[in-house]
Structure formats: C-alpha cells, structure tokens
C-alpha cells in the first residue's frame, strides 16, 4: 500500500510538471517572443501595431496566472489526499 501511494505521488508530480512545462512555460516563452517583437516594432516607430499585441500579451498573462493557480490548487489537493513527502 505504501509503494502504491508513493507511485501515485510520483505520477501526480510528473503530471503536474508536464502541465507546467506544456502550459505555463509555453505561455511565458510566447509572451517573451511577443514582447521582443513589440520592442522592435516600437523602435521602428510602429506604435500603432503595438496596441493589439499588448492586449494579446495581457490576456496571455491572465491565462497563465489562472493556469498556474489551478496547478497549485491541484498540487495542494494532492498533498492533502496522498501526503507528499
């Protein structure tokens, strides 16, 4: 039973790590790219194009924060259910 519990904890940790890698990390990398494009656009005098990109980045930040909050809540519920060590 103890081994089964440890395997379940390991599986939960791996699932959460993959979710963070595929979700939050991917969003952050995309936002960094958008911000770099935005910097270059503004440097070239293209402020008119910047507004839409800023709105997209703002939405991406909100979604990443929501996703991270969800993952942390899931981690906390796993801790109380199984008991992370």
N, C-alpha and C. Protein backbone atom coordinates (compact mmCIF):
# COMPACT_ATOMS: atom_id res chain seq x y z
N UNK A 1 0.83 -1.20 0.00
CA UNK A 1 0.00 0.00 0.00
C UNK A 1 0.87 1.26 0.00
N UNK A 2 1.97 1.21 0.77
CA UNK A 2 2.87 2.37 0.83
C UNK A 2 3.52 2.61 -0.53
N UNK A 3 3.95 1.53 -1.18
CA UNK A 3 4.56 1.66 -2.50
C UNK A 3 3.55 2.20 -3.51
N UNK A 4 2.33 1.72 -3.42
CA UNK A 4 1.28 2.20 -4.32
C UNK A 4 1.05 3.70 -4.12
N UNK A 5 1.07 4.15 -2.86
CA UNK A 5 0.92 5.57 -2.55
C UNK A 5 2.06 6.39 -3.10
N UNK A 6 3.28 5.88 -2.95
CA UNK A 6 4.45 6.60 -3.47
C UNK A 6 4.41 6.70 -5.00
N UNK A 7 3.97 5.63 -5.64
CA UNK A 7 3.84 5.66 -7.11
C UNK A 7 2.77 6.65 -7.55
N UNK A 8 1.70 6.73 -6.79
CA UNK A 8 0.64 7.70 -7.12
C UNK A 8 1.15 9.13 -6.97
N UNK A 9 1.93 9.38 -5.93
CA UNK A 9 2.52 10.70 -5.72
C UNK A 9 3.46 11.04 -6.86
N UNK A 10 4.30 10.08 -7.24
CA UNK A 10 5.23 10.32 -8.34
C UNK A 10 4.49 10.59 -9.65
N UNK A 11 3.43 9.87 -9.88
CA UNK A 11 2.64 10.08 -11.10
C UNK A 11 2.00 11.46 -11.08
N UNK A 12 1.48 11.89 -9.92
CA UNK A 12 0.90 13.23 -9.80
C UNK A 12 1.94 14.30 -10.05
N UNK A 13 3.11 14.13 -9.47
CA UNK A 13 4.18 15.12 -9.67
C UNK A 13 4.59 15.20 -11.15
N UNK A 14 4.69 14.07 -11.79
CA UNK A 14 5.05 14.07 -13.21
C UNK A 14 3.97 14.74 -14.05
N UNK A 15 2.73 14.47 -13.75
CA UNK A 15 1.62 15.08 -14.48
C UNK A 15 1.62 16.60 -14.31
N UNK A 16 1.83 17.05 -13.08
CA UNK A 16 1.86 18.49 -12.80
C UNK A 16 3.06 19.13 -13.48
N UNK A 17 4.20 18.47 -13.45
CA UNK A 17 5.40 19.00 -14.12
C UNK A 17 5.16 19.14 -15.61
N UNK A 18 4.53 18.15 -16.22
CA UNK A 18 4.25 18.22 -17.66
C UNK A 18 3.26 19.35 -17.95
N UNK A 19 2.24 19.49 -17.10
CA UNK A 19 1.27 20.57 -17.28
C UNK A 19 1.95 21.93 -17.20
N UNK A 20 2.86 22.07 -16.25
CA UNK A 20 3.57 23.34 -16.10
C UNK A 20 4.48 23.59 -17.30
N UNK A 21 5.15 22.55 -17.75
CA UNK A 21 6.05 22.70 -18.89
C UNK A 21 5.28 23.03 -20.15
N UNK A 22 4.24 22.27 -20.41
CA UNK A 22 3.48 22.45 -21.65
C UNK A 22 2.59 23.69 -21.61
N UNK A 23 2.12 24.06 -20.44
CA UNK A 23 1.18 25.16 -20.33
C UNK A 23 1.83 26.47 -19.97
N UNK A 24 2.16 26.64 -18.70
CA UNK A 24 2.66 27.92 -18.20
C UNK A 24 3.98 28.29 -18.87
N UNK A 25 4.91 27.37 -18.95
CA UNK A 25 6.20 27.68 -19.56
C UNK A 25 6.03 28.06 -21.03
N UNK A 26 5.20 27.35 -21.73
CA UNK A 26 4.96 27.67 -23.14
C UNK A 26 4.37 29.06 -23.31
N UNK A 27 3.45 29.40 -22.44
CA UNK A 27 2.85 30.75 -22.49
C UNK A 27 3.90 31.81 -22.21
N UNK A 28 4.75 31.58 -21.22
CA UNK A 28 5.78 32.56 -20.89
C UNK A 28 6.77 32.75 -22.04
N UNK A 29 7.16 31.68 -22.68
CA UNK A 29 8.07 31.78 -23.83
C UNK A 29 7.40 32.56 -24.96
N UNK A 30 6.12 32.28 -25.20
CA UNK A 30 5.39 33.00 -26.24
C UNK A 30 5.30 34.49 -25.92
N UNK A 31 5.03 34.81 -24.65
CA UNK A 31 4.95 36.22 -24.25
C UNK A 31 6.29 36.92 -24.41
N UNK A 32 7.37 36.24 -24.07
CA UNK A 32 8.71 36.84 -24.25
C UNK A 32 8.95 37.15 -25.71
N UNK A 33 8.55 36.26 -26.59
CA UNK A 33 8.70 36.50 -28.03
C UNK A 33 7.86 37.68 -28.48
N UNK A 34 6.62 37.74 -27.99
CA UNK A 34 5.75 38.86 -28.35
C UNK A 34 6.32 40.18 -27.85
N UNK A 35 6.85 40.17 -26.64
CA UNK A 35 7.43 41.40 -26.09
C UNK A 35 8.65 41.84 -26.90
N UNK A 36 9.46 40.91 -27.34
CA UNK A 36 10.62 41.26 -28.17
C UNK A 36 10.15 41.85 -29.49
N UNK A 37 9.15 41.24 -30.11
CA UNK A 37 8.61 41.77 -31.36
C UNK A 37 8.07 43.18 -31.13
N UNK A 38 7.38 43.35 -30.00
CA UNK A 38 6.81 44.65 -29.66
C UNK A 38 7.91 45.70 -29.50
N UNK A 39 8.98 45.35 -28.81
CA UNK A 39 10.10 46.28 -28.62
C UNK A 39 10.67 46.71 -29.96
N UNK A 40 10.88 45.75 -30.84
CA UNK A 40 11.44 46.06 -32.16
C UNK A 40 10.47 46.92 -32.97
N UNK A 41 9.18 46.62 -32.88
CA UNK A 41 8.17 47.38 -33.60
C UNK A 41 8.14 48.83 -33.13
N UNK A 42 8.17 49.03 -31.82
CA UNK A 42 8.15 50.39 -31.27
C UNK A 42 9.43 51.13 -31.66
N UNK A 43 10.57 50.44 -31.62
CA UNK A 43 11.84 51.06 -32.01
C UNK A 43 11.79 51.57 -33.45
N UNK A 44 11.02 50.89 -34.29
CA UNK A 44 10.90 51.29 -35.70
C UNK A 44 9.77 52.29 -35.92
N UNK A 45 9.13 52.73 -34.84
CA UNK A 45 8.06 53.71 -34.97
C UNK A 45 6.70 53.12 -35.25
N UNK A 46 6.50 51.86 -34.98
CA UNK A 46 5.24 51.21 -35.29
C UNK A 46 4.32 51.09 -34.10
N UNK A 47 4.15 52.17 -33.36
CA UNK A 47 3.32 52.14 -32.15
C UNK A 47 1.88 51.73 -32.44
N UNK A 48 1.40 52.03 -33.63
CA UNK A 48 0.00 51.71 -33.97
C UNK A 48 -0.24 50.20 -33.90
N UNK A 49 0.74 49.41 -34.27
CA UNK A 49 0.60 47.95 -34.22
C UNK A 49 0.74 47.40 -32.80
N UNK A 50 1.29 48.21 -31.91
CA UNK A 50 1.60 47.74 -30.57
C UNK A 50 0.37 47.48 -29.72
N UNK A 51 -0.69 48.24 -29.91
CA UNK A 51 -1.87 48.14 -29.05
C UNK A 51 -2.48 46.75 -29.05
N UNK A 52 -2.67 46.17 -30.22
CA UNK A 52 -3.26 44.83 -30.31
C UNK A 52 -2.38 43.77 -29.68
N UNK A 53 -1.07 43.89 -29.88
CA UNK A 53 -0.14 42.93 -29.29
C UNK A 53 -0.16 43.04 -27.77
N UNK A 54 -0.20 44.27 -27.27
CA UNK A 54 -0.28 44.45 -25.82
C UNK A 54 -1.54 43.80 -25.24
N UNK A 55 -2.66 43.94 -25.92
CA UNK A 55 -3.89 43.31 -25.45
C UNK A 55 -3.75 41.78 -25.44
N UNK A 56 -3.10 41.23 -26.47
CA UNK A 56 -2.87 39.78 -26.51
C UNK A 56 -1.98 39.33 -25.38
N UNK A 57 -0.93 40.08 -25.12
CA UNK A 57 0.00 39.71 -24.04
C UNK A 57 -0.70 39.80 -22.70
N UNK A 58 -1.49 40.84 -22.50
CA UNK A 58 -2.23 40.98 -21.24
C UNK A 58 -3.14 39.77 -21.02
N UNK A 59 -3.82 39.33 -22.06
CA UNK A 59 -4.70 38.17 -21.96
C UNK A 59 -3.89 36.90 -21.68
N UNK A 60 -2.75 36.76 -22.34
CA UNK A 60 -1.88 35.60 -22.10
C UNK A 60 -1.40 35.56 -20.66
N UNK A 61 -1.06 36.72 -20.11
CA UNK A 61 -0.60 36.79 -18.71
C UNK A 61 -1.73 36.34 -17.78
N UNK A 62 -2.94 36.82 -18.02
CA UNK A 62 -4.08 36.42 -17.19
C UNK A 62 -4.32 34.92 -17.27
N UNK A 63 -4.24 34.37 -18.47
CA UNK A 63 -4.48 32.93 -18.63
C UNK A 63 -3.37 32.11 -17.98
N UNK A 64 -2.13 32.56 -18.10
CA UNK A 64 -1.02 31.85 -17.45
C UNK A 64 -1.18 31.88 -15.94
N UNK A 65 -1.58 33.03 -15.39
CA UNK A 65 -1.79 33.14 -13.94
C UNK A 65 -2.92 32.22 -13.49
N UNK A 66 -4.00 32.18 -14.26
CA UNK A 66 -5.11 31.28 -13.93
C UNK A 66 -4.67 29.82 -13.96
N UNK A 67 -3.89 29.48 -14.98
CA UNK A 67 -3.42 28.10 -15.12
C UNK A 67 -2.49 27.73 -13.97
N UNK A 68 -1.61 28.64 -13.61
CA UNK A 68 -0.69 28.38 -12.50
C UNK A 68 -1.46 28.23 -11.19
N UNK A 69 -2.46 29.08 -10.98
CA UNK A 69 -3.30 28.98 -9.78
C UNK A 69 -4.00 27.62 -9.73
N UNK A 70 -4.53 27.17 -10.87
CA UNK A 70 -5.19 25.86 -10.94
C UNK A 70 -4.20 24.74 -10.60
N UNK A 71 -2.99 24.82 -11.15
CA UNK A 71 -2.00 23.76 -10.89
C UNK A 71 -1.59 23.73 -9.43
N UNK A 72 -1.44 24.90 -8.82
CA UNK A 72 -1.08 24.95 -7.40
C UNK A 72 -2.21 24.37 -6.56
N UNK A 73 -3.45 24.70 -6.89
CA UNK A 73 -4.58 24.13 -6.15
C UNK A 73 -4.61 22.62 -6.29
N UNK A 74 -4.32 22.14 -7.49
CA UNK A 74 -4.28 20.69 -7.72
C UNK A 74 -3.17 20.05 -6.91
N UNK A 75 -2.04 20.72 -6.86
CA UNK A 75 -0.92 20.21 -6.08
C UNK A 75 -1.30 20.15 -4.60
N UNK A 76 -1.92 21.19 -4.11
CA UNK A 76 -2.33 21.21 -2.71
C UNK A 76 -3.33 20.13 -2.39
N UNK A 77 -4.28 19.90 -3.29
CA UNK A 77 -5.27 18.85 -3.05
C UNK A 77 -4.60 17.48 -3.08
N UNK A 78 -3.58 17.31 -3.93
CA UNK A 78 -2.84 16.04 -3.97
C UNK A 78 -2.08 15.82 -2.68
N UNK A 79 -1.51 16.92 -2.15
CA UNK A 79 -0.76 16.81 -0.89
C UNK A 79 -1.66 16.34 0.25
N UNK A 80 -2.85 16.90 0.33
CA UNK A 80 -3.72 16.53 1.44
C UNK A 80 -4.30 15.13 1.26
N UNK A 81 -4.50 14.71 0.01
CA UNK A 81 -5.10 13.42 -0.26
C UNK A 81 -4.09 12.28 -0.08
N UNK A 82 -2.85 12.50 -0.56
CA UNK A 82 -1.88 11.40 -0.56
C UNK A 82 -0.77 11.66 0.45
N UNK A 83 -0.38 12.91 0.64
CA UNK A 83 0.70 13.22 1.57
C UNK A 83 2.05 13.23 0.89
N UNK A 84 2.38 14.30 0.19
CA UNK A 84 3.70 14.43 -0.43
C UNK A 84 4.77 14.38 0.63
N UNK A 85 5.90 13.78 0.28
CA UNK A 85 7.00 13.69 1.25
C UNK A 85 8.16 14.51 0.79
